[in-house]
């Protein structure tokens, strides 16, 4: 099997003139995604993920470097790439509200030249898979946000692409809908030869569960690329702690403590969960001291095995959000 995606010294800048330096969205990116791989791309907002996907999907040209998708150059062969790929973005507003779910999906299938009878059969099967059969004849403007997102996922797969870009496909969905989508993605890649997925997600467990390999990107550069297992193994050189506290606002102070590699937080209703990656276990005492001296109370503290989130924090210095 060859590579579905190849990027060599890929750079993309925006703006810039005699007075202003250009904004660098992608900076000398080297990346390979193998055919048949379920590949994850993790990065905080503004890291360059969307720019990279737009270039791979032939919606944006690179400033410099070489990029090929399914063996074709994105600069010269966009028209050969487009019929063989598809893309789904979480939270996107797609489709025509006056048309029904089935009509929208059939219309999109015709853009790809799928024979009508074949398209109708695929649409019926996918609507059943994603529990949308009862909404097939409902106008899109009348269905819920979650149902519309599931319809978008169906739209992505109904064309049977060789390569699909899934940008936050389970964003905002309930647990059951997310599970169904993840299961379908996994089976679609593993059960059929030559199918490739590039997935971006803010859910670390999703990336850990699904992806063969994961690349971490920040400020336009690839910081690491390996299997989730190998990335977590490399993080064992550091120690990870989960600290639950009453409201605590001096997160930036924790990042300045010597020996702290990274910090992420999750705000809950009346407390905060702080995840800290430190060089040595002894550093956690300094972290605790800062929290207590600020007036916050520590509700619980536990050391944990490295997760993909810890890897991300260690590389980037902060969480995804």
C-alpha atoms as a PDB file:
ATOM      1  CA  UNK A   1       0.000   0.000   0.000  1.00  0.00           C
ATOM      2  CA  UNK A   2       1.208   3.506  -0.789  1.00  0.00           C
ATOM      3  CA  UNK A   3       0.514   6.845   0.837  1.00  0.00           C
ATOM      4  CA  UNK A   4      -2.884   8.503   0.580  1.00  0.00           C
ATOM      5  CA  UNK A   5      -1.377  11.837   1.653  1.00  0.00           C
ATOM      6  CA  UNK A   6       2.143  13.202   1.320  1.00  0.00           C
ATOM      7  CA  UNK A   7       3.301  16.644   2.445  1.00  0.00           C
ATOM      8  CA  UNK A   8       6.886  17.763   2.059  1.00  0.00           C
ATOM      9  CA  UNK A   9       8.077  21.132   3.401  1.00  0.00           C
ATOM     10  CA  UNK A  10       4.488  22.402   3.200  1.00  0.00           C
ATOM     11  CA  UNK A  11       4.158  26.063   4.114  1.00  0.00           C
ATOM     12  CA  UNK A  12       1.109  28.288   3.968  1.00  0.00           C
ATOM     13  CA  UNK A  13       1.131  31.985   4.828  1.00  0.00           C
ATOM     14  CA  UNK A  14      -1.586  34.652   4.790  1.00  0.00           C
ATOM     15  CA  UNK A  15      -1.271  38.367   4.162  1.00  0.00           C
ATOM     16  CA  UNK A  16       1.936  40.274   4.583  1.00  0.00           C
ATOM     17  CA  UNK A  17       3.271  43.350   2.864  1.00  0.00           C
ATOM     18  CA  UNK A  18       6.127  45.812   3.200  1.00  0.00           C
ATOM     19  CA  UNK A  19       4.889  46.875   6.634  1.00  0.00           C
ATOM     20  CA  UNK A  20       3.626  43.568   8.033  1.00  0.00           C
ATOM     21  CA  UNK A  21       5.082  40.106   8.209  1.00  0.00           C
ATOM     22  CA  UNK A  22       2.814  37.375   6.795  1.00  0.00           C
ATOM     23  CA  UNK A  23       0.928  35.119   9.198  1.00  0.00           C
ATOM     24  CA  UNK A  24       2.374  31.600   9.049  1.00  0.00           C
ATOM     25  CA  UNK A  25      -0.428  29.054   9.311  1.00  0.00           C
ATOM     26  CA  UNK A  26       1.677  26.018   8.305  1.00  0.00           C
ATOM     27  CA  UNK A  27       5.418  25.977   8.764  1.00  0.00           C
ATOM     28  CA  UNK A  28       7.545  23.421   6.879  1.00  0.00           C
ATOM     29  CA  UNK A  29       5.174  20.493   7.489  1.00  0.00           C
ATOM     30  CA  UNK A  30       6.304  16.975   6.550  1.00  0.00           C
ATOM     31  CA  UNK A  31       3.541  14.385   6.823  1.00  0.00           C
ATOM     32  CA  UNK A  32       2.606  11.007   5.389  1.00  0.00           C
ATOM     33  CA  UNK A  33      -0.715   9.224   5.810  1.00  0.00           C
ATOM     34  CA  UNK A  34      -0.784   5.641   4.601  1.00  0.00           C
ATOM     35  CA  UNK A  35      -3.534   4.233   2.427  1.00  0.00           C
ATOM     36  CA  UNK A  36      -5.977   2.344   4.648  1.00  0.00           C
ATOM     37  CA  UNK A  37      -5.006   4.294   7.758  1.00  0.00           C
ATOM     38  CA  UNK A  38      -7.261   5.987  10.274  1.00  0.00           C
ATOM     39  CA  UNK A  39      -5.098   8.996  11.021  1.00  0.00           C
ATOM     40  CA  UNK A  40      -5.729  11.581  13.739  1.00  0.00           C
ATOM     41  CA  UNK A  41      -4.717  15.232  13.779  1.00  0.00           C
ATOM     42  CA  UNK A  42      -4.733  16.928  17.180  1.00  0.00           C
ATOM     43  CA  UNK A  43      -4.103  20.577  17.876  1.00  0.00           C
ATOM     44  CA  UNK A  44      -5.517  23.585  19.738  1.00  0.00           C
ATOM     45  CA  UNK A  45      -7.599  26.200  17.986  1.00  0.00           C
ATOM     46  CA  UNK A  46      -5.451  28.126  15.521  1.00  0.00           C
ATOM     47  CA  UNK A  47      -2.844  25.372  15.272  1.00  0.00           C
ATOM     48  CA  UNK A  48      -3.211  24.969  11.501  1.00  0.00           C
ATOM     49  CA  UNK A  49      -5.510  21.927  11.300  1.00  0.00           C
ATOM     50  CA  UNK A  50      -8.216  23.557   9.198  1.00  0.00           C
ATOM     51  CA  UNK A  51      -5.683  25.151   6.849  1.00  0.00           C
ATOM     52  CA  UNK A  52      -4.016  21.778   6.320  1.00  0.00           C
ATOM     53  CA  UNK A  53      -7.325  20.044   5.591  1.00  0.00           C
ATOM     54  CA  UNK A  54      -8.351  22.781   3.141  1.00  0.00           C
ATOM     55  CA  UNK A  55      -5.099  22.309   1.230  1.00  0.00           C
ATOM     56  CA  UNK A  56      -5.497  18.525   1.168  1.00  0.00           C
ATOM     57  CA  UNK A  57      -9.107  18.915   0.019  1.00  0.00           C
ATOM     58  CA  UNK A  58      -7.947  21.234  -2.816  1.00  0.00           C
ATOM     59  CA  UNK A  59      -9.832  24.217  -1.368  1.00  0.00           C
ATOM     60  CA  UNK A  60      -6.640  26.183  -0.724  1.00  0.00           C
ATOM     61  CA  UNK A  61      -3.260  26.208  -2.435  1.00  0.00           C
ATOM     62  CA  UNK A  62       0.011  25.849  -0.508  1.00  0.00           C
ATOM     63  CA  UNK A  63       2.383  28.804  -0.491  1.00  0.00           C
ATOM     64  CA  UNK A  64       5.315  26.451  -0.980  1.00  0.00           C
ATOM     65  CA  UNK A  65       6.200  22.793  -0.654  1.00  0.00           C
ATOM     66  CA  UNK A  66       4.908  19.610  -2.256  1.00  0.00           C
ATOM     67  CA  UNK A  67       1.521  18.074  -1.479  1.00  0.00           C
ATOM     68  CA  UNK A  68      -0.039  15.002  -3.076  1.00  0.00           C
ATOM     69  CA  UNK A  69      -3.376  13.354  -2.337  1.00  0.00           C
ATOM     70  CA  UNK A  70      -4.126   9.843  -3.638  1.00  0.00           C
ATOM     71  CA  UNK A  71      -1.062  10.155  -5.850  1.00  0.00           C
ATOM     72  CA  UNK A  72      -2.070  13.490  -7.425  1.00  0.00           C
ATOM     73  CA  UNK A  73      -0.512  16.914  -6.993  1.00  0.00           C
ATOM     74  CA  UNK A  74      -2.940  19.344  -5.328  1.00  0.00           C
ATOM     75  CA  UNK A  75      -1.733  22.202  -7.505  1.00  0.00           C
ATOM     76  CA  UNK A  76      -2.039  20.470 -10.886  1.00  0.00           C
ATOM     77  CA  UNK A  77      -4.592  17.716 -10.407  1.00  0.00           C
ATOM     78  CA  UNK A  78      -7.390  19.102  -8.222  1.00  0.00           C
ATOM     79  CA  UNK A  79     -10.042  17.899 -10.661  1.00  0.00           C
ATOM     80  CA  UNK A  80      -8.722  14.335 -10.386  1.00  0.00           C
ATOM     81  CA  UNK A  81      -8.666  14.458  -6.579  1.00  0.00           C
ATOM     82  CA  UNK A  82     -12.093  15.922  -5.861  1.00  0.00           C
ATOM     83  CA  UNK A  83     -14.291  13.056  -7.140  1.00  0.00           C
ATOM     84  CA  UNK A  84     -12.353  10.635  -4.920  1.00  0.00           C
ATOM     85  CA  UNK A  85     -12.571  12.507  -1.594  1.00  0.00           C
ATOM     86  CA  UNK A  86     -15.221  13.937   0.709  1.00  0.00           C
ATOM     87  CA  UNK A  87     -15.288  16.046   3.851  1.00  0.00           C
ATOM     88  CA  UNK A  88     -17.540  16.400   6.906  1.00  0.00           C
ATOM     89  CA  UNK A  89     -17.174  19.197   9.452  1.00  0.00           C
ATOM     90  CA  UNK A  90     -18.798  19.176  12.869  1.00  0.00           C
ATOM     91  CA  UNK A  91     -21.356  21.915  13.403  1.00  0.00           C
ATOM     92  CA  UNK A  92     -21.515  22.819   9.723  1.00  0.00           C
ATOM     93  CA  UNK A  93     -24.766  24.064   8.233  1.00  0.00           C
ATOM     94  CA  UNK A  94     -25.230  22.168   4.990  1.00  0.00           C
ATOM     95  CA  UNK A  95     -28.148  21.167   2.838  1.00  0.00           C
ATOM     96  CA  UNK A  96     -31.232  23.034   1.747  1.00  0.00           C
ATOM     97  CA  UNK A  97     -33.848  23.542   4.437  1.00  0.00           C
ATOM     98  CA  UNK A  98     -36.787  23.273   2.074  1.00  0.00           C
ATOM     99  CA  UNK A  99     -35.666  19.849   0.851  1.00  0.00           C
ATOM    100  CA  UNK A 100     -36.128  16.666   2.829  1.00  0.00           C
ATOM    101  CA  UNK A 101     -33.219  14.724   4.316  1.00  0.00           C
ATOM    102  CA  UNK A 102     -33.446  12.117   1.547  1.00  0.00           C
ATOM    103  CA  UNK A 103     -33.685  14.779  -1.188  1.00  0.00           C
ATOM    104  CA  UNK A 104     -30.601  16.557   0.129  1.00  0.00           C
ATOM    105  CA  UNK A 105     -28.577  13.365   0.237  1.00  0.00           C
ATOM    106  CA  UNK A 106     -29.712  12.313  -3.231  1.00  0.00           C
ATOM    107  CA  UNK A 107     -28.774  15.735  -4.610  1.00  0.00           C
ATOM    108  CA  UNK A 108     -25.254  15.522  -3.155  1.00  0.00           C
ATOM    109  CA  UNK A 109     -24.844  12.011  -4.567  1.00  0.00           C
ATOM    110  CA  UNK A 110     -25.665  13.336  -8.028  1.00  0.00           C
ATOM    111  CA  UNK A 111     -22.862  15.894  -7.791  1.00  0.00           C
ATOM    112  CA  UNK A 112     -20.555  12.845  -7.740  1.00  0.00           C
ATOM    113  CA  UNK A 113     -22.314  11.123 -10.636  1.00  0.00           C
ATOM    114  CA  UNK A 114     -23.600   8.142  -8.638  1.00  0.00           C
ATOM    115  CA  UNK A 115     -26.347   6.287 -10.554  1.00  0.00           C
ATOM    116  CA  UNK A 116     -29.705   7.216  -9.060  1.00  0.00           C
ATOM    117  CA  UNK A 117     -30.806   3.687  -8.118  1.00  0.00           C
ATOM    118  CA  UNK A 118     -27.456   2.964  -6.462  1.00  0.00           C
ATOM    119  CA  UNK A 119     -27.581   6.289  -4.606  1.00  0.00           C
ATOM    120  CA  UNK A 120     -31.086   5.627  -3.282  1.00  0.00           C
ATOM    121  CA  UNK A 121     -30.042   2.206  -1.957  1.00  0.00           C
ATOM    122  CA  UNK A 122     -26.954   3.639  -0.239  1.00  0.00           C
ATOM    123  CA  UNK A 123     -28.976   6.477   1.273  1.00  0.00           C
ATOM    124  CA  UNK A 124     -31.564   4.069   2.696  1.00  0.00           C
ATOM    125  CA  UNK A 125     -28.881   1.838   4.203  1.00  0.00           C
ATOM    126  CA  UNK A 126     -26.990   4.746   5.769  1.00  0.00           C
ATOM    127  CA  UNK A 127     -30.127   6.391   7.147  1.00  0.00           C
ATOM    128  CA  UNK A 128     -30.903   3.080   8.842  1.00  0.00           C
ATOM    129  CA  UNK A 129     -27.376   2.797  10.224  1.00  0.00           C
ATOM    130  CA  UNK A 130     -27.488   6.293  11.701  1.00  0.00           C
ATOM    131  CA  UNK A 131     -31.066   6.002  13.014  1.00  0.00           C
ATOM    132  CA  UNK A 132     -32.449   8.602  10.623  1.00  0.00           C
ATOM    133  CA  UNK A 133     -34.914   6.489   8.651  1.00  0.00           C
ATOM    134  CA  UNK A 134     -37.845   8.122  10.440  1.00  0.00           C
ATOM    135  CA  UNK A 135     -36.560  11.542   9.326  1.00  0.00           C
ATOM    136  CA  UNK A 136     -36.000  10.637   5.670  1.00  0.00           C
ATOM    137  CA  UNK A 137     -38.975  12.680   4.490  1.00  0.00           C
ATOM    138  CA  UNK A 138     -38.659  15.493   7.039  1.00  0.00           C
ATOM    139  CA  UNK A 139     -37.497  18.861   5.761  1.00  0.00           C
ATOM    140  CA  UNK A 140     -33.960  19.597   6.910  1.00  0.00           C
ATOM    141  CA  UNK A 141     -34.998  22.862   8.559  1.00  0.00           C
ATOM    142  CA  UNK A 142     -37.265  20.908  10.930  1.00  0.00           C
ATOM    143  CA  UNK A 143     -34.749  18.381  12.290  1.00  0.00           C
ATOM    144  CA  UNK A 144     -32.546  18.859  15.352  1.00  0.00           C
ATOM    145  CA  UNK A 145     -28.911  19.919  15.321  1.00  0.00           C
ATOM    146  CA  UNK A 146     -27.784  16.398  16.216  1.00  0.00           C
ATOM    147  CA  UNK A 147     -29.889  14.859  13.465  1.00  0.00           C
ATOM    148  CA  UNK A 148     -28.506  17.349  10.956  1.00  0.00           C
ATOM    149  CA  UNK A 149     -24.965  16.423  11.971  1.00  0.00           C
ATOM    150  CA  UNK A 150     -25.735  12.732  11.466  1.00  0.00           C
ATOM    151  CA  UNK A 151     -27.156  13.637   8.050  1.00  0.00           C
ATOM    152  CA  UNK A 152     -23.857  15.395   7.264  1.00  0.00           C
ATOM    153  CA  UNK A 153     -21.959  12.242   8.164  1.00  0.00           C
ATOM    154  CA  UNK A 154     -24.225  10.219   5.859  1.00  0.00           C
ATOM    155  CA  UNK A 155     -23.540  12.764   3.108  1.00  0.00           C
ATOM    156  CA  UNK A 156     -19.808  12.211   3.558  1.00  0.00           C
ATOM    157  CA  UNK A 157     -20.006   8.443   3.188  1.00  0.00           C
ATOM    158  CA  UNK A 158     -22.774   8.113   0.589  1.00  0.00           C
ATOM    159  CA  UNK A 159     -20.279   8.923  -2.197  1.00  0.00           C
ATOM    160  CA  UNK A 160     -18.023   6.065  -1.025  1.00  0.00           C
ATOM    161  CA  UNK A 161     -14.837   8.188  -1.140  1.00  0.00           C
ATOM    162  CA  UNK A 162     -11.335   6.737  -1.116  1.00  0.00           C
ATOM    163  CA  UNK A 163     -10.290   9.399   1.380  1.00  0.00           C
ATOM    164  CA  UNK A 164     -12.563  11.271   3.774  1.00  0.00           C
ATOM    165  CA  UNK A 165     -11.717  14.231   5.991  1.00  0.00           C
ATOM    166  CA  UNK A 166     -13.683  14.227   9.239  1.00  0.00           C
ATOM    167  CA  UNK A 167     -13.275  17.537  11.062  1.00  0.00           C
ATOM    168  CA  UNK A 168     -14.837  17.178  14.531  1.00  0.00           C
ATOM    169  CA  UNK A 169     -17.552  14.772  13.266  1.00  0.00           C
ATOM    170  CA  UNK A 170     -19.029  14.113  16.739  1.00  0.00           C
ATOM    171  CA  UNK A 171     -18.956  17.724  17.942  1.00  0.00           C
ATOM    172  CA  UNK A 172     -21.978  18.403  20.150  1.00  0.00           C
ATOM    173  CA  UNK A 173     -23.542  14.975  19.652  1.00  0.00           C
ATOM    174  CA  UNK A 174     -24.981  12.822  22.418  1.00  0.00           C
ATOM    175  CA  UNK A 175     -23.094   9.795  23.665  1.00  0.00           C
ATOM    176  CA  UNK A 176     -25.078   7.244  21.648  1.00  0.00           C
ATOM    177  CA  UNK A 177     -24.843   9.157  18.356  1.00  0.00           C
ATOM    178  CA  UNK A 178     -21.104   9.617  18.866  1.00  0.00           C
ATOM    179  CA  UNK A 179     -20.677   5.901  19.547  1.00  0.00           C
ATOM    180  CA  UNK A 180     -22.565   4.945  16.366  1.00  0.00           C
ATOM    181  CA  UNK A 181     -20.447   7.308  14.261  1.00  0.00           C
ATOM    182  CA  UNK A 182     -17.163   6.069  15.762  1.00  0.00           C
ATOM    183  CA  UNK A 183     -18.152   2.454  15.211  1.00  0.00           C
ATOM    184  CA  UNK A 184     -19.106   3.136  11.598  1.00  0.00           C
ATOM    185  CA  UNK A 185     -15.841   4.990  10.904  1.00  0.00           C
ATOM    186  CA  UNK A 186     -13.794   2.137  12.344  1.00  0.00           C
ATOM    187  CA  UNK A 187     -15.648  -0.540  10.383  1.00  0.00           C
ATOM    188  CA  UNK A 188     -15.565   1.499   7.169  1.00  0.00           C
ATOM    189  CA  UNK A 189     -11.774   1.787   7.248  1.00  0.00           C
ATOM    190  CA  UNK A 190     -10.933  -1.683   8.513  1.00  0.00           C
ATOM    191  CA  UNK A 191     -13.556  -3.581   6.568  1.00  0.00           C
ATOM    192  CA  UNK A 192     -12.830  -2.212   3.125  1.00  0.00           C
ATOM    193  CA  UNK A 193      -9.538  -2.128   1.269  1.00  0.00           C
ATOM    194  CA  UNK A 194      -8.053   1.208   0.283  1.00  0.00           C
ATOM    195  CA  UNK A 195     -10.207   3.475   2.472  1.00  0.00           C
ATOM    196  CA  UNK A 196      -8.468   6.240   4.417  1.00  0.00           C
ATOM    197  CA  UNK A 197      -9.666   8.675   7.087  1.00  0.00           C
ATOM    198  CA  UNK A 198      -8.060  11.856   8.363  1.00  0.00           C
ATOM    199  CA  UNK A 199      -9.804  12.761  11.613  1.00  0.00           C
ATOM    200  CA  UNK A 200      -9.554  15.880  13.742  1.00  0.00           C
ATOM    201  CA  UNK A 201     -11.169  15.843  17.157  1.00  0.00           C
ATOM    202  CA  UNK A 202     -11.163  17.663  20.487  1.00  0.00           C
ATOM    203  CA  UNK A 203     -12.004  14.398  22.249  1.00  0.00           C
ATOM    204  CA  UNK A 204      -8.764  12.683  23.247  1.00  0.00           C
ATOM    205  CA  UNK A 205     -10.504   9.410  24.065  1.00  0.00           C
ATOM    206  CA  UNK A 206     -11.956   9.387  20.545  1.00  0.00           C
ATOM    207  CA  UNK A 207      -8.509   9.764  18.971  1.00  0.00           C
ATOM    208  CA  UNK A 208      -7.049   7.147  21.313  1.00  0.00           C
ATOM    209  CA  UNK A 209      -9.831   4.682  20.559  1.00  0.00           C
ATOM    210  CA  UNK A 210      -9.952   5.111  16.779  1.00  0.00           C
ATOM    211  CA  UNK A 211      -6.626   6.180  15.346  1.00  0.00           C
ATOM    212  CA  UNK A 212      -3.774   4.033  14.054  1.00  0.00           C
ATOM    213  CA  UNK A 213      -1.471   7.045  14.320  1.00  0.00           C
ATOM    214  CA  UNK A 214      -1.832  10.579  15.631  1.00  0.00           C
ATOM    215  CA  UNK A 215       0.005  13.786  14.732  1.00  0.00           C
ATOM    216  CA  UNK A 216       0.124  16.672  17.191  1.00  0.00           C
ATOM    217  CA  UNK A 217       0.240  20.088  15.529  1.00  0.00           C
ATOM    218  CA  UNK A 218       0.732  23.499  17.132  1.00  0.00           C
ATOM    219  CA  UNK A 219       1.559  26.888  15.649  1.00  0.00           C
ATOM    220  CA  UNK A 220       1.709  25.338  12.207  1.00  0.00           C
ATOM    221  CA  UNK A 221       4.328  22.697  13.015  1.00  0.00           C
ATOM    222  CA  UNK A 222       4.057  18.946  13.571  1.00  0.00           C
ATOM    223  CA  UNK A 223       5.426  18.262  17.067  1.00  0.00           C
ATOM    224  CA  UNK A 224       5.033  14.483  17.128  1.00  0.00           C
ATOM    225  CA  UNK A 225       3.570  11.670  15.039  1.00  0.00           C
ATOM    226  CA  UNK A 226       3.173   8.078  16.177  1.00  0.00           C
ATOM    227  CA  UNK A 227       0.650   5.515  17.370  1.00  0.00           C
ATOM    228  CA  UNK A 228      -1.312   6.494  20.507  1.00  0.00           C
ATOM    229  CA  UNK A 229       0.386   3.624  22.355  1.00  0.00           C
ATOM    230  CA  UNK A 230       3.891   4.798  21.475  1.00  0.00           C
ATOM    231  CA  UNK A 231       3.075   8.413  22.273  1.00  0.00           C
ATOM    232  CA  UNK A 232       1.752   7.419  25.705  1.00  0.00           C
ATOM    233  CA  UNK A 233       4.812   5.255  26.270  1.00  0.00           C
ATOM    234  CA  UNK A 234       7.073   8.244  25.624  1.00  0.00           C
ATOM    235  CA  UNK A 235       5.085  10.295  28.153  1.00  0.00           C
ATOM    236  CA  UNK A 236       5.919   7.873  30.958  1.00  0.00           C
ATOM    237  CA  UNK A 237       9.199   9.733  31.441  1.00  0.00           C
ATOM    238  CA  UNK A 238       7.091  12.414  33.120  1.00  0.00           C
ATOM    239  CA  UNK A 239       4.435  12.143  35.858  1.00  0.00           C
ATOM    240  CA  UNK A 240       0.773  13.028  35.440  1.00  0.00           C
ATOM    241  CA  UNK A 241      -1.580  14.197  38.168  1.00  0.00           C
ATOM    242  CA  UNK A 242      -5.261  15.060  38.273  1.00  0.00           C
ATOM    243  CA  UNK A 243      -6.199  17.676  40.879  1.00  0.00           C
ATOM    244  CA  UNK A 244      -9.763  18.652  41.700  1.00  0.00           C
ATOM    245  CA  UNK A 245     -10.124  22.041  43.386  1.00  0.00           C
ATOM    246  CA  UNK A 246     -12.648  24.692  44.276  1.00  0.00           C
ATOM    247  CA  UNK A 247     -12.663  27.577  41.745  1.00  0.00           C
ATOM    248  CA  UNK A 248      -9.070  28.537  40.999  1.00  0.00           C
ATOM    249  CA  UNK A 249      -8.069  31.268  38.570  1.00  0.00           C
ATOM    250  CA  UNK A 250      -4.263  31.405  38.758  1.00  0.00           C
ATOM    251  CA  UNK A 251      -3.656  28.669  36.214  1.00  0.00           C
ATOM    252  CA  UNK A 252      -0.883  30.653  34.507  1.00  0.00           C
ATOM    253  CA  UNK A 253       1.080  30.699  37.778  1.00  0.00           C
ATOM    254  CA  UNK A 254       1.166  26.899  37.773  1.00  0.00           C
ATOM    255  CA  UNK A 255       2.718  26.897  34.307  1.00  0.00           C
ATOM    256  CA  UNK A 256       5.623  28.991  35.593  1.00  0.00           C
ATOM    257  CA  UNK A 257       6.632  26.495  38.293  1.00  0.00           C
ATOM    258  CA  UNK A 258       9.982  24.850  37.543  1.00  0.00           C
ATOM    259  CA  UNK A 259       9.463  21.253  36.470  1.00  0.00           C
ATOM    260  CA  UNK A 260       5.891  21.715  35.208  1.00  0.00           C
ATOM    261  CA  UNK A 261       5.701  20.650  31.572  1.00  0.00           C
ATOM    262  CA  UNK A 262       2.096  21.566  30.944  1.00  0.00           C
ATOM    263  CA  UNK A 263      -1.296  22.266  32.481  1.00  0.00           C
ATOM    264  CA  UNK A 264      -4.862  21.854  31.272  1.00  0.00           C
ATOM    265  CA  UNK A 265      -8.117  22.595  33.050  1.00  0.00           C
ATOM    266  CA  UNK A 266     -11.747  21.570  32.883  1.00  0.00           C
ATOM    267  CA  UNK A 267     -14.261  23.867  34.549  1.00  0.00           C
ATOM    268  CA  UNK A 268     -17.212  22.090  36.137  1.00  0.00           C
ATOM    269  CA  UNK A 269     -20.210  23.624  37.881  1.00  0.00           C
ATOM    270  CA  UNK A 270     -18.582  24.324  41.241  1.00  0.00           C
ATOM    271  CA  UNK A 271     -15.044  23.038  40.865  1.00  0.00           C
ATOM    272  CA  UNK A 272     -12.100  22.740  38.505  1.00  0.00           C
ATOM    273  CA  UNK A 273     -10.207  19.657  37.375  1.00  0.00           C
ATOM    274  CA  UNK A 274      -6.557  20.496  36.742  1.00  0.00           C
ATOM    275  CA  UNK A 275      -4.353  18.060  34.860  1.00  0.00           C
ATOM    276  CA  UNK A 276      -0.638  18.625  35.428  1.00  0.00           C
ATOM    277  CA  UNK A 277       2.336  16.955  33.780  1.00  0.00           C
ATOM    278  CA  UNK A 278       5.576  17.332  35.751  1.00  0.00           C
ATOM    279  CA  UNK A 279       9.177  16.209  35.276  1.00  0.00           C
ATOM    280  CA  UNK A 280       9.351  14.607  38.726  1.00  0.00           C
ATOM    281  CA  UNK A 281       6.759  13.654  41.328  1.00  0.00           C
ATOM    282  CA  UNK A 282       8.301  16.018  43.898  1.00  0.00           C
ATOM    283  CA  UNK A 283       7.244  19.019  41.775  1.00  0.00           C
ATOM    284  CA  UNK A 284       3.612  18.362  42.653  1.00  0.00           C
ATOM    285  CA  UNK A 285       4.232  19.702  46.172  1.00  0.00           C
ATOM    286  CA  UNK A 286       4.997  23.124  44.680  1.00  0.00           C
ATOM    287  CA  UNK A 287       1.827  22.929  42.613  1.00  0.00           C
ATOM    288  CA  UNK A 288      -0.222  22.122  45.703  1.00  0.00           C
ATOM    289  CA  UNK A 289       1.378  25.007  47.624  1.00  0.00           C
ATOM    290  CA  UNK A 290       0.435  27.523  44.932  1.00  0.00           C
ATOM    291  CA  UNK A 291      -3.161  26.292  44.835  1.00  0.00           C
ATOM    292  CA  UNK A 292      -3.587  26.436  48.614  1.00  0.00           C
ATOM    293  CA  UNK A 293      -1.890  29.833  48.957  1.00  0.00           C
ATOM    294  CA  UNK A 294      -4.355  31.244  46.421  1.00  0.00           C
ATOM    295  CA  UNK A 295      -7.249  30.382  48.715  1.00  0.00           C
ATOM    296  CA  UNK A 296      -8.580  27.428  46.744  1.00  0.00           C
ATOM    297  CA  UNK A 297      -9.205  24.075  48.382  1.00  0.00           C
ATOM    298  CA  UNK A 298      -7.950  20.774  47.002  1.00  0.00           C
ATOM    299  CA  UNK A 299     -10.827  18.299  46.851  1.00  0.00           C
ATOM    300  CA  UNK A 300      -8.834  15.381  45.461  1.00  0.00           C
ATOM    301  CA  UNK A 301      -5.403  14.582  44.038  1.00  0.00           C
ATOM    302  CA  UNK A 302      -4.417  11.455  42.172  1.00  0.00           C
ATOM    303  CA  UNK A 303      -1.532  10.268  40.076  1.00  0.00           C
ATOM    304  CA  UNK A 304      -2.574   8.656  36.820  1.00  0.00           C
ATOM    305  CA  UNK A 305      -1.159   6.625  33.974  1.00  0.00           C
ATOM    306  CA  UNK A 306      -0.225   8.768  30.952  1.00  0.00           C
ATOM    307  CA  UNK A 307      -3.082   9.425  28.555  1.00  0.00           C
ATOM    308  CA  UNK A 308      -3.090  10.923  25.082  1.00  0.00           C
ATOM    309  CA  UNK A 309      -4.159  14.167  26.737  1.00  0.00           C
ATOM    310  CA  UNK A 310      -1.007  14.083  28.871  1.00  0.00           C
ATOM    311  CA  UNK A 311       1.085  13.616  25.745  1.00  0.00           C
ATOM    312  CA  UNK A 312      -0.627  16.624  24.209  1.00  0.00           C
ATOM    313  CA  UNK A 313      -0.120  18.764  27.321  1.00  0.00           C
ATOM    314  CA  UNK A 314       3.528  17.733  27.496  1.00  0.00           C
ATOM    315  CA  UNK A 315       4.148  18.687  23.850  1.00  0.00           C
ATOM    316  CA  UNK A 316       2.021  21.814  23.597  1.00  0.00           C
ATOM    317  CA  UNK A 317       2.115  23.035  27.194  1.00  0.00           C
ATOM    318  CA  UNK A 318      -1.661  23.357  27.464  1.00  0.00           C
ATOM    319  CA  UNK A 319      -4.878  21.505  26.702  1.00  0.00           C
ATOM    320  CA  UNK A 320      -6.874  21.495  23.502  1.00  0.00           C
ATOM    321  CA  UNK A 321      -9.221  24.242  24.696  1.00  0.00           C
END
